[in-house]
Amino acid sequence: MKYLLDTHVVLWTAENSPLLPDRVKTIILDKDTEKYVSIVSAWEIAIKLGTHKLHLDGGLPEFFRACQIFCVNDKIF
């Protein structure tokens, strides 16, 4: 199954937020699901990192790699 993740869902995952339902967390952390974000979501997260409102060990690319999250392009859908 393919999932397009909203920015707040990615942020809640990164922060291990209790606002993220366990079912959703399980889907996001499952290595067998295809997870995508729009380029705008990646940009929004990068802004939060740049303003130090968010900290991700290894930065955004490493977080996306660890969770196997990919940016959407016109060839995916």
Protein backbone atom coordinates (compact mmCIF):
# COMPACT_ATOMS: atom_id res chain seq x y z
CA MET A 1 0.00 0.00 0.00
CA LYS A 2 1.15 3.56 -0.73
CA TYR A 3 0.71 6.37 1.80
CA LEU A 4 1.07 10.10 1.24
CA LEU A 5 1.96 11.58 4.62
CA ASP A 6 0.96 15.06 5.70
CA THR A 7 3.63 17.27 7.26
CA HIS A 8 2.18 17.08 10.76
CA VAL A 9 2.16 13.26 10.65
CA VAL A 10 5.86 13.22 9.75
CA LEU A 11 6.61 15.72 12.54
CA TRP A 12 4.61 13.72 15.08
CA THR A 13 6.56 10.61 14.03
CA ALA A 14 9.87 12.42 14.43
CA GLU A 15 8.87 13.70 17.87
CA ASN A 16 7.30 10.38 18.92
CA SER A 17 4.18 12.40 19.74
CA PRO A 18 1.34 10.82 21.72
CA LEU A 19 -1.00 12.59 19.26
CA LEU A 20 -0.02 10.03 16.61
CA PRO A 21 -2.30 6.98 16.91
CA ASP A 22 -0.48 3.68 17.43
CA ARG A 23 -2.04 2.25 14.26
CA VAL A 24 -0.59 5.10 12.18
CA LYS A 25 2.80 4.82 13.90
CA THR A 26 2.88 1.10 13.07
CA ILE A 27 2.16 1.81 9.40
CA ILE A 28 4.81 4.53 9.18
CA LEU A 29 7.51 2.42 10.85
CA ASP A 30 6.68 -0.67 8.78
CA LYS A 31 9.50 -1.14 6.28
CA ASP A 32 7.13 -2.89 3.84
CA THR A 33 4.83 0.10 3.27
CA GLU A 34 5.54 2.76 0.68
CA LYS A 35 5.56 6.19 2.33
CA TYR A 36 5.77 9.51 0.53
CA VAL A 37 5.72 13.21 1.33
CA SER A 38 5.22 16.10 -1.03
CA ILE A 39 8.19 18.31 -1.76
CA VAL A 40 6.31 21.04 0.13
CA SER A 41 6.28 18.88 3.28
CA ALA A 42 10.02 18.30 2.97
CA TRP A 43 10.47 22.07 2.56
CA GLU A 44 8.28 22.83 5.62
CA ILE A 45 10.28 20.38 7.75
CA ALA A 46 13.56 21.84 6.48
CA ILE A 47 12.37 25.30 7.58
CA LYS A 48 11.60 23.98 11.08
CA LEU A 49 15.07 22.44 11.23
CA GLY A 50 16.64 25.69 10.04
CA THR A 51 14.86 27.73 12.70
CA HIS A 52 15.77 25.16 15.36
CA LYS A 53 12.12 24.43 16.16
CA LEU A 54 12.84 20.79 15.32
CA HIS A 55 15.88 18.59 15.79
CA LEU A 56 16.47 15.38 13.85
CA ASP A 57 19.62 13.37 14.45
CA GLY A 58 21.37 13.22 11.10
CA GLY A 59 19.03 15.81 9.59
CA LEU A 60 16.10 15.45 7.25
CA PRO A 61 17.67 13.11 4.67
CA GLU A 62 18.74 10.62 7.35
CA PHE A 63 15.30 10.71 9.00
CA PHE A 64 13.61 10.03 5.64
CA ARG A 65 16.06 7.20 4.92
CA ALA A 66 15.56 5.62 8.34
CA CYS A 67 11.76 5.66 7.96
CA GLN A 68 11.96 4.88 4.23
CA ILE A 69 9.98 8.00 3.31
CA PHE A 70 10.35 9.33 -0.22
CA CYS A 71 9.43 12.62 -1.87
CA VAL A 72 6.64 12.40 -4.43
CA ASN A 73 7.43 13.02 -8.04
CA ASP A 74 5.23 12.85 -11.10
CA LYS A 75 6.24 9.24 -11.86
CA ILE A 76 4.94 7.68 -8.64
CA PHE A 77 1.20 8.15 -9.01
